[in-house]
Amino acid sequence: MYIDKAADYVGQIQTINGWVYNSRSSGKVAFVLVRDGSGIMQCVVAKGDVEEST
């Protein structure tokens, strides 16, 4: 899915292809900006939901 088409998939689980443009963390939550050729999307990741190596 391209980022500029994300509004068409609200409420559904999708895979985004792109690269990490920027990231920052605040305690147990990380904010990852993913970019592709169509735009930038902020993703929110809870540390408890992913493996430590991720």
C-alpha atoms as a PDB file:
ATOM      1  CA  MET A   1       0.000   0.000   0.000  1.00  0.00           C
ATOM      2  CA  TYR A   2       1.216   3.492  -0.810  1.00  0.00           C
ATOM      3  CA  ILE A   3       0.979   6.006   2.014  1.00  0.00           C
ATOM      4  CA  ASP A   4      -1.176   8.418   0.011  1.00  0.00           C
ATOM      5  CA  LYS A   5      -3.843   5.670  -0.251  1.00  0.00           C
ATOM      6  CA  ALA A   6      -3.951   4.966   3.521  1.00  0.00           C
ATOM      7  CA  ALA A   7      -7.311   6.728   3.975  1.00  0.00           C
ATOM      8  CA  ASP A   8      -8.907   4.003   1.834  1.00  0.00           C
ATOM      9  CA  TYR A   9      -7.947   1.349   4.409  1.00  0.00           C
ATOM     10  CA  VAL A  10      -9.009   2.855   7.751  1.00  0.00           C
ATOM     11  CA  GLY A  11      -9.676   0.116  10.315  1.00  0.00           C
ATOM     12  CA  GLN A  12      -7.821  -2.549   8.319  1.00  0.00           C
ATOM     13  CA  ILE A  13      -4.377  -4.053   8.834  1.00  0.00           C
ATOM     14  CA  GLN A  14      -2.076  -3.188   5.942  1.00  0.00           C
ATOM     15  CA  THR A  15       1.615  -3.465   5.087  1.00  0.00           C
ATOM     16  CA  ILE A  16       3.479  -0.271   4.248  1.00  0.00           C
ATOM     17  CA  ASN A  17       6.538  -0.377   2.006  1.00  0.00           C
ATOM     18  CA  GLY A  18       9.027   2.426   2.511  1.00  0.00           C
ATOM     19  CA  TRP A  19      11.968   3.489   4.618  1.00  0.00           C
ATOM     20  CA  VAL A  20      12.360   4.927   8.112  1.00  0.00           C
ATOM     21  CA  TYR A  21      12.630   8.686   7.669  1.00  0.00           C
ATOM     22  CA  ASN A  22      12.931   9.510  11.372  1.00  0.00           C
ATOM     23  CA  SER A  23      12.209   7.927  14.738  1.00  0.00           C
ATOM     24  CA  ARG A  24      11.946   8.991  18.348  1.00  0.00           C
ATOM     25  CA  SER A  25      10.876   7.302  21.540  1.00  0.00           C
ATOM     26  CA  SER A  26       9.176   8.365  24.710  1.00  0.00           C
ATOM     27  CA  GLY A  27       9.376   5.703  27.392  1.00  0.00           C
ATOM     28  CA  LYS A  28       7.370   2.683  26.290  1.00  0.00           C
ATOM     29  CA  VAL A  29       6.199   4.199  23.002  1.00  0.00           C
ATOM     30  CA  ALA A  30       8.177   4.802  19.796  1.00  0.00           C
ATOM     31  CA  PHE A  31       7.133   7.080  16.957  1.00  0.00           C
ATOM     32  CA  VAL A  32       8.460   6.052  13.553  1.00  0.00           C
ATOM     33  CA  LEU A  33       8.090   8.193  10.442  1.00  0.00           C
ATOM     34  CA  VAL A  34       7.894   5.962   7.354  1.00  0.00           C
ATOM     35  CA  ARG A  35       8.330   7.507   3.926  1.00  0.00           C
ATOM     36  CA  ASP A  36       7.656   6.257   0.417  1.00  0.00           C
ATOM     37  CA  GLY A  37       7.425   8.038  -2.918  1.00  0.00           C
ATOM     38  CA  SER A  38       3.913   9.281  -2.154  1.00  0.00           C
ATOM     39  CA  GLY A  39       4.217  10.712   1.367  1.00  0.00           C
ATOM     40  CA  ILE A  40       5.164  10.306   5.025  1.00  0.00           C
ATOM     41  CA  MET A  41       3.226   8.393   7.710  1.00  0.00           C
ATOM     42  CA  GLN A  42       3.762   8.442  11.459  1.00  0.00           C
ATOM     43  CA  CYS A  43       3.509   5.006  13.034  1.00  0.00           C
ATOM     44  CA  VAL A  44       3.164   4.412  16.776  1.00  0.00           C
ATOM     45  CA  VAL A  45       4.786   1.317  18.260  1.00  0.00           C
ATOM     46  CA  ALA A  46       4.335   0.153  21.850  1.00  0.00           C
ATOM     47  CA  LYS A  47       7.516  -1.542  23.079  1.00  0.00           C
ATOM     48  CA  GLY A  48       5.452  -4.339  24.642  1.00  0.00           C
ATOM     49  CA  ASP A  49       4.006  -5.237  21.231  1.00  0.00           C
ATOM     50  CA  VAL A  50       7.332  -5.987  19.486  1.00  0.00           C
ATOM     51  CA  GLU A  51      10.416  -8.041  20.246  1.00  0.00           C
ATOM     52  CA  GLU A  52      13.340  -6.253  21.915  1.00  0.00           C
ATOM     53  CA  SER A  53      15.540  -6.716  18.824  1.00  0.00           C
ATOM     54  CA  THR A  54      12.988  -4.791  16.724  1.00  0.00           C
END
